[in-house]
């Protein structure tokens, strides 16, 4: 009996010790959770401040965070980067819009001023004879044509900046397309006493593309060659191909080369190598920018090399694989 009492006494003491131990453990757990919660709350408050700073577009100082919040911090960081990029794009868009309006107004002013000036002379009967009157009318007509070209270029360039633009693609034989374009340009070339020559070493110059838009590319480059290469007499177009691409080289032999410092910028809108020369030749400053936009839509490349008496524009377009080719000519 006495031994049983001793056992029960030890058992009771053990239970009491376990109880107090459990209480201590529970208290420690509660204290740990409280401290952990407060620790996380501090960092969450810091991140809340960070988000508020982000919303206010202020400079951000990224705090250190515990591993549990790294994912959230990464999300905030991504939001910050996206916001900064969006702000930069907005500033760039505003700048480009301002430049576009300024350049368009400048380019439209000259032909409009000329047209209204000569119309005022005609309206006031300030001409000596019918010959002078006809001259005034010819000047008005030439400026009206120039004005129409400027407006078309501005419209086309703006349209091509739409990311959702769809190409009407088909298989195109570039040798046939270019040969036809050159034949159609014979009259324009004869007016400036120039001649276009065409040759090809390509075995299969077939690409997948929008024929009308590619014609616009070659027309713009051909017109550029006429404007700046008329003292060289000839414009040569040569096609070659590899297993992967078709290369089109269009060369004019104008005396003046494009300065090497200007080569990187010739495909930018409204860029003019020589402003006085560009206005003399009637360029809008958009022809090559339009060409590059169209080539970009076709996932191709366009480059220019220039030296005295030889300037070459090279266009590179992805080739239709031989397995996919169905002999299809560009419609005449």
Protein backbone atom coordinates (compact mmCIF):
# COMPACT_ATOMS: atom_id res chain seq x y z
CA UNK A 1 0.00 0.00 0.00
CA UNK A 2 2.79 2.34 0.89
CA UNK A 3 4.55 1.59 -2.39
CA UNK A 4 1.37 2.43 -4.32
CA UNK A 5 1.16 5.77 -2.57
CA UNK A 6 4.77 6.48 -3.54
CA UNK A 7 4.06 5.60 -7.18
CA UNK A 8 0.99 7.82 -7.26
CA UNK A 9 2.98 10.62 -5.70
CA UNK A 10 5.65 10.33 -8.41
CA UNK A 11 2.98 10.14 -11.06
CA UNK A 12 1.29 13.28 -9.74
CA UNK A 13 4.59 15.14 -9.70
CA UNK A 14 5.31 13.95 -13.24
CA UNK A 15 1.93 15.16 -14.42
CA UNK A 16 2.51 18.53 -12.78
CA UNK A 17 5.95 18.83 -14.41
CA UNK A 18 4.54 17.87 -17.80
CA UNK A 19 1.71 20.34 -17.37
CA UNK A 20 4.03 23.19 -16.54
CA UNK A 21 6.40 22.15 -19.31
CA UNK A 22 3.53 22.13 -21.77
CA UNK A 23 2.44 25.54 -20.53
CA UNK A 24 5.97 26.86 -21.02
CA UNK A 25 6.09 25.41 -24.54
CA UNK A 26 2.70 26.92 -25.39
CA UNK A 27 3.83 30.28 -24.04
CA UNK A 28 7.05 30.09 -26.04
CA UNK A 29 5.11 29.19 -29.19
CA UNK A 30 2.70 32.07 -28.64
CA UNK A 31 5.57 34.46 -28.00
CA UNK A 32 7.36 33.22 -31.13
CA UNK A 33 4.23 33.59 -33.25
CA UNK A 34 3.63 37.06 -31.87
CA UNK A 35 7.18 38.15 -32.54
CA UNK A 36 7.12 36.54 -35.98
CA UNK A 37 3.86 38.22 -36.82
CA UNK A 38 5.21 41.56 -35.67
CA UNK A 39 8.41 40.96 -37.68
CA UNK A 40 6.44 40.18 -40.82
CA UNK A 41 4.09 43.07 -40.17
CA UNK A 42 7.04 45.47 -40.11
CA UNK A 43 8.19 44.22 -43.52
CA UNK A 44 4.67 44.27 -44.90
CA UNK A 45 4.35 47.87 -43.77
CA UNK A 46 7.63 48.64 -45.53
CA UNK A 47 6.37 47.00 -48.68
CA UNK A 48 3.09 48.88 -48.38
CA UNK A 49 5.10 52.09 -48.27
CA UNK A 50 7.03 50.85 -51.29
CA UNK A 51 3.80 50.28 -53.24
CA UNK A 52 2.56 53.72 -52.20
CA UNK A 53 5.80 55.25 -53.43
CA UNK A 54 5.38 53.31 -56.65
CA UNK A 55 1.87 54.69 -57.04
CA UNK A 56 3.21 58.20 -56.40
CA UNK A 57 5.98 57.67 -59.00
CA UNK A 58 8.69 58.47 -56.49
CA UNK A 59 12.16 56.95 -56.48
CA UNK A 60 12.08 53.54 -54.79
CA UNK A 61 14.47 52.24 -52.16
CA UNK A 62 14.02 48.48 -52.10
CA UNK A 63 14.00 47.06 -48.54
CA UNK A 64 15.44 43.73 -47.48
CA UNK A 65 12.75 41.15 -46.80
CA UNK A 66 12.62 37.68 -45.23
CA UNK A 67 12.41 34.63 -47.49
CA UNK A 68 8.65 34.33 -46.90
CA UNK A 69 8.12 37.67 -48.62
CA UNK A 70 10.60 37.27 -51.48
CA UNK A 71 7.89 36.24 -53.92
CA UNK A 72 5.76 39.22 -52.98
CA UNK A 73 8.81 41.46 -53.24
CA UNK A 74 9.55 40.06 -56.71
CA UNK A 75 5.99 40.92 -57.77
CA UNK A 76 6.36 44.47 -56.45
CA UNK A 77 9.71 44.73 -58.24
CA UNK A 78 8.09 43.58 -61.50
CA UNK A 79 5.30 46.12 -61.07
CA UNK A 80 7.89 48.82 -60.48
CA UNK A 81 9.82 47.86 -63.63
CA UNK A 82 6.62 47.74 -65.70
CA UNK A 83 5.53 51.13 -64.41
CA UNK A 84 8.92 52.65 -65.21
CA UNK A 85 8.88 51.15 -68.70
CA UNK A 86 5.34 52.36 -69.33
CA UNK A 87 6.31 55.85 -68.21
CA UNK A 88 9.32 55.86 -70.54
CA UNK A 89 7.17 54.67 -73.45
CA UNK A 90 4.63 57.40 -72.71
CA UNK A 91 7.33 60.07 -72.68
CA UNK A 92 8.78 58.66 -75.92
CA UNK A 93 5.33 58.58 -77.54
CA UNK A 94 4.69 62.20 -76.56
CA UNK A 95 8.07 63.23 -77.96
CA UNK A 96 7.48 61.37 -81.23
CA UNK A 97 3.99 62.85 -81.53
CA UNK A 98 5.40 66.33 -81.07
CA UNK A 99 8.12 65.68 -83.66
CA UNK A 100 5.56 64.27 -86.09
CA UNK A 101 3.28 67.30 -85.79
CA UNK A 102 6.24 69.69 -86.12
CA UNK A 103 7.70 67.94 -89.17
CA UNK A 104 4.34 67.49 -90.87
CA UNK A 105 3.47 71.16 -90.39
CA UNK A 106 6.87 72.18 -91.75
CA UNK A 107 6.69 69.91 -94.80
CA UNK A 108 3.11 70.86 -95.67
CA UNK A 109 3.72 74.59 -95.30
CA UNK A 110 6.07 74.96 -98.28
CA UNK A 111 3.82 73.52 -101.04
CA UNK A 112 0.73 75.14 -99.54
CA UNK A 113 2.45 78.54 -99.46
CA UNK A 114 3.53 78.13 -103.07
CA UNK A 115 0.05 77.07 -104.19
CA UNK A 116 -1.74 79.92 -102.43
CA UNK A 117 0.87 82.43 -103.63
CA UNK A 118 0.47 81.55 -107.30
CA UNK A 119 -3.32 81.34 -106.95
CA UNK A 120 -3.30 84.88 -105.55
CA UNK A 121 -1.31 86.04 -108.59
CA UNK A 122 -3.78 84.39 -110.96
CA UNK A 123 -6.79 85.68 -109.00
CA UNK A 124 -5.39 89.23 -109.18
CA UNK A 125 -4.58 88.89 -112.92
CA UNK A 126 -0.92 89.57 -112.18
CA UNK A 127 0.63 87.78 -115.14
CA UNK A 128 1.98 89.17 -118.39
CA UNK A 129 0.58 86.71 -120.88
CA UNK A 130 -0.83 83.23 -121.35
CA UNK A 131 2.65 81.69 -121.29
CA UNK A 132 3.27 83.05 -117.79
CA UNK A 133 -0.21 81.95 -116.72
CA UNK A 134 0.51 78.42 -117.91
CA UNK A 135 3.77 78.48 -115.96
CA UNK A 136 1.90 79.46 -112.80
CA UNK A 137 -0.59 76.64 -113.35
CA UNK A 138 2.24 74.14 -113.88
CA UNK A 139 3.88 75.22 -110.62
CA UNK A 140 0.56 74.88 -108.78
CA UNK A 141 0.01 71.43 -110.29
CA UNK A 142 3.52 70.27 -109.36
CA UNK A 143 3.10 71.48 -105.78
CA UNK A 144 -0.33 69.84 -105.55
CA UNK A 145 1.19 66.51 -106.66
CA UNK A 146 3.99 66.97 -104.13
CA UNK A 147 1.45 67.77 -101.41
CA UNK A 148 -0.56 64.66 -102.28
CA UNK A 149 2.60 62.55 -102.02
CA UNK A 150 3.42 64.00 -98.61
CA UNK A 151 -0.06 63.28 -97.30
CA UNK A 152 0.02 59.72 -98.67
CA UNK A 153 3.41 59.09 -97.06
CA UNK A 154 2.23 60.43 -93.69
CA UNK A 155 -0.92 58.30 -93.84
CA UNK A 156 0.98 55.17 -94.87
CA UNK A 157 3.66 55.58 -92.20
CA UNK A 158 1.08 56.15 -89.46
CA UNK A 159 -0.90 53.12 -90.65
CA UNK A 160 2.20 50.91 -90.62
CA UNK A 161 2.91 51.74 -86.97
CA UNK A 162 -0.24 49.84 -85.97
CA UNK A 163 0.95 46.61 -84.32
CA UNK A 164 -2.25 44.84 -85.35
CA UNK A 165 -1.79 45.42 -89.08
CA UNK A 166 -2.42 42.27 -91.12
CA UNK A 167 -0.45 41.32 -94.21
CA UNK A 168 -2.24 39.85 -97.23
CA UNK A 169 0.39 37.24 -97.94
CA UNK A 170 0.97 34.94 -100.88
CA UNK A 171 3.94 33.30 -102.58
CA UNK A 172 5.77 35.90 -104.68
CA UNK A 173 8.45 35.51 -107.33
CA UNK A 174 10.57 38.57 -106.69
CA UNK A 175 12.27 38.45 -110.09
CA UNK A 176 8.91 38.78 -111.86
CA UNK A 177 7.67 41.44 -109.45
CA UNK A 178 10.79 43.60 -109.81
CA UNK A 179 11.02 43.16 -113.56
CA UNK A 180 7.44 44.34 -113.93
CA UNK A 181 8.04 47.29 -111.61
CA UNK A 182 11.05 48.39 -113.64
CA UNK A 183 9.10 48.20 -116.89
CA UNK A 184 6.33 50.31 -115.34
CA UNK A 185 8.94 52.90 -114.31
CA UNK A 186 10.36 53.35 -117.81
CA UNK A 187 8.51 56.61 -118.47
CA UNK A 188 9.49 58.10 -115.10
CA UNK A 189 13.12 57.14 -115.73
CA UNK A 190 13.14 58.55 -119.26
CA UNK A 191 11.94 61.91 -117.92
CA UNK A 192 15.19 62.24 -115.95
CA UNK A 193 17.32 60.53 -118.63
CA UNK A 194 18.00 57.45 -116.53
CA UNK A 195 17.85 53.74 -117.26
CA UNK A 196 17.11 50.80 -114.96
CA UNK A 197 18.90 47.50 -115.46
CA UNK A 198 17.82 44.20 -113.96
CA UNK A 199 19.70 40.92 -113.45
CA UNK A 200 19.38 37.86 -111.26
CA UNK A 201 21.46 34.86 -110.24
CA UNK A 202 18.76 33.52 -107.94
CA UNK A 203 17.55 30.01 -108.65
CA UNK A 204 14.33 30.29 -106.68
CA UNK A 205 13.64 33.87 -105.49
CA UNK A 206 10.28 33.04 -103.91
CA UNK A 207 9.13 34.67 -100.68
CA UNK A 208 5.93 34.73 -98.65
CA UNK A 209 4.73 38.30 -98.42
CA UNK A 210 2.26 41.06 -99.14
CA UNK A 211 2.87 41.89 -102.81
CA UNK A 212 1.39 45.39 -102.74
CA UNK A 213 3.39 46.42 -99.70
CA UNK A 214 6.62 44.98 -101.10
CA UNK A 215 5.99 46.89 -104.32
CA UNK A 216 5.77 50.03 -102.17
CA UNK A 217 9.19 49.21 -100.69
CA UNK A 218 10.84 48.84 -104.09
CA UNK A 219 9.04 51.92 -105.46
CA UNK A 220 10.34 54.02 -102.57
CA UNK A 221 13.91 52.82 -103.01
CA UNK A 222 13.72 53.29 -106.78
CA UNK A 223 12.37 56.82 -106.31
CA UNK A 224 15.15 57.53 -103.83
CA UNK A 225 17.68 56.33 -106.42
CA UNK A 226 16.14 58.61 -109.06
CA UNK A 227 16.27 61.64 -106.77
CA UNK A 228 19.82 61.22 -105.57
CA UNK A 229 21.45 59.22 -108.36
CA UNK A 230 20.30 60.92 -111.54
CA UNK A 231 23.83 62.08 -112.32
CA UNK A 232 24.85 58.42 -112.44
CA UNK A 233 22.51 57.51 -115.34
CA UNK A 234 21.88 53.88 -114.31
CA UNK A 235 19.97 52.11 -111.54
CA UNK A 236 20.91 48.44 -111.19
CA UNK A 237 18.74 45.83 -109.49
CA UNK A 238 20.31 42.46 -108.77
CA UNK A 239 18.71 39.44 -107.07
CA UNK A 240 20.57 36.56 -105.47
CA UNK A 241 19.55 33.89 -103.00
CA UNK A 242 20.82 31.38 -100.47
CA UNK A 243 19.09 28.37 -98.98
CA UNK A 244 17.41 30.60 -96.40
CA UNK A 245 16.93 34.10 -97.85
CA UNK A 246 16.54 36.20 -100.99
CA UNK A 247 18.74 39.31 -101.32
CA UNK A 248 17.77 42.27 -103.48
CA UNK A 249 20.43 44.91 -104.20
CA UNK A 250 19.32 48.21 -105.72
CA UNK A 251 22.27 50.44 -106.67
CA UNK A 252 22.46 53.99 -107.95
CA UNK A 253 25.62 55.78 -109.05
CA UNK A 254 25.06 59.31 -107.82
CA UNK A 255 28.20 61.35 -107.23
CA UNK A 256 27.52 62.12 -103.57
CA UNK A 257 27.75 59.38 -100.97
CA UNK A 258 25.70 59.23 -97.79
CA UNK A 259 28.06 60.33 -94.99
CA UNK A 260 29.06 57.38 -92.82
CA UNK A 261 27.85 59.20 -89.70
CA UNK A 262 24.34 59.35 -91.22
CA UNK A 263 24.08 55.70 -92.31
CA UNK A 264 22.51 54.51 -89.00
CA UNK A 265 19.74 57.09 -89.30
CA UNK A 266 18.65 56.97 -92.95
CA UNK A 267 15.64 54.75 -92.13
CA UNK A 268 14.35 57.03 -89.39
CA UNK A 269 11.30 59.10 -90.23
CA UNK A 270 11.89 62.64 -91.46
CA UNK A 271 15.65 62.13 -91.43
CA UNK A 272 17.36 63.98 -94.25
CA UNK A 273 21.03 63.63 -95.04
CA UNK A 274 21.12 67.09 -96.56
CA UNK A 275 18.04 69.15 -95.85
CA UNK A 276 18.48 71.54 -98.76
CA UNK A 277 19.10 68.65 -101.14
CA UNK A 278 16.08 66.72 -99.84
CA UNK A 279 13.75 69.69 -100.29
CA UNK A 280 15.13 70.25 -103.79
CA UNK A 281 14.33 66.69 -104.76
CA UNK A 282 10.90 66.78 -103.15
CA UNK A 283 11.48 64.04 -100.58
CA UNK A 284 9.04 63.70 -97.69
CA UNK A 285 11.60 62.13 -95.39
CA UNK A 286 9.27 59.15 -94.90
CA UNK A 287 9.94 56.93 -97.93
CA UNK A 288 12.78 54.91 -96.40
CA UNK A 289 11.06 54.78 -92.99
CA UNK A 290 7.99 53.30 -94.70
CA UNK A 291 10.20 50.79 -96.53
CA UNK A 292 11.83 49.67 -93.29
CA UNK A 293 8.47 49.35 -91.52
CA UNK A 294 7.18 47.07 -94.29
CA UNK A 295 10.35 44.95 -94.32
CA UNK A 296 10.13 44.62 -90.52
CA UNK A 297 6.56 43.35 -90.90
CA UNK A 298 7.95 40.67 -93.24
CA UNK A 299 10.62 39.73 -90.65
CA UNK A 300 13.32 40.81 -93.09
CA UNK A 301 16.20 43.28 -93.05
CA UNK A 302 17.15 46.40 -94.99
CA UNK A 303 20.62 47.95 -95.10
CA UNK A 304 22.48 50.62 -97.02
CA UNK A 305 26.11 51.03 -98.02
CA UNK A 306 27.39 54.17 -99.69
CA UNK A 307 30.51 55.56 -101.28
CA UNK A 308 31.03 58.19 -103.98
CA UNK A 309 29.27 57.10 -107.19
CA UNK A 310 27.78 53.97 -105.64
CA UNK A 311 24.97 53.66 -103.09
CA UNK A 312 23.37 50.25 -102.59
CA UNK A 313 20.22 49.36 -100.67
CA UNK A 314 20.10 45.67 -99.73
CA UNK A 315 16.85 43.97 -98.76
CA UNK A 316 16.90 40.50 -97.21
CA UNK A 317 13.68 38.48 -97.06
CA UNK A 318 13.05 34.97 -95.70
CA UNK A 319 12.73 32.44 -98.45
CA UNK A 320 9.85 30.01 -98.86
CA UNK A 321 11.20 26.51 -98.26
CA UNK A 322 11.44 24.36 -101.36
CA UNK A 323 9.04 21.81 -99.88
CA UNK A 324 6.38 24.48 -99.46
CA UNK A 325 6.72 26.13 -102.85
CA UNK A 326 3.85 26.00 -105.29
CA UNK A 327 4.88 27.70 -108.51
CA UNK A 328 2.86 30.90 -108.31
CA UNK A 329 3.79 34.07 -110.16
CA UNK A 330 2.90 37.56 -109.09
CA UNK A 331 -0.18 38.57 -111.08
CA UNK A 332 0.46 40.85 -114.04
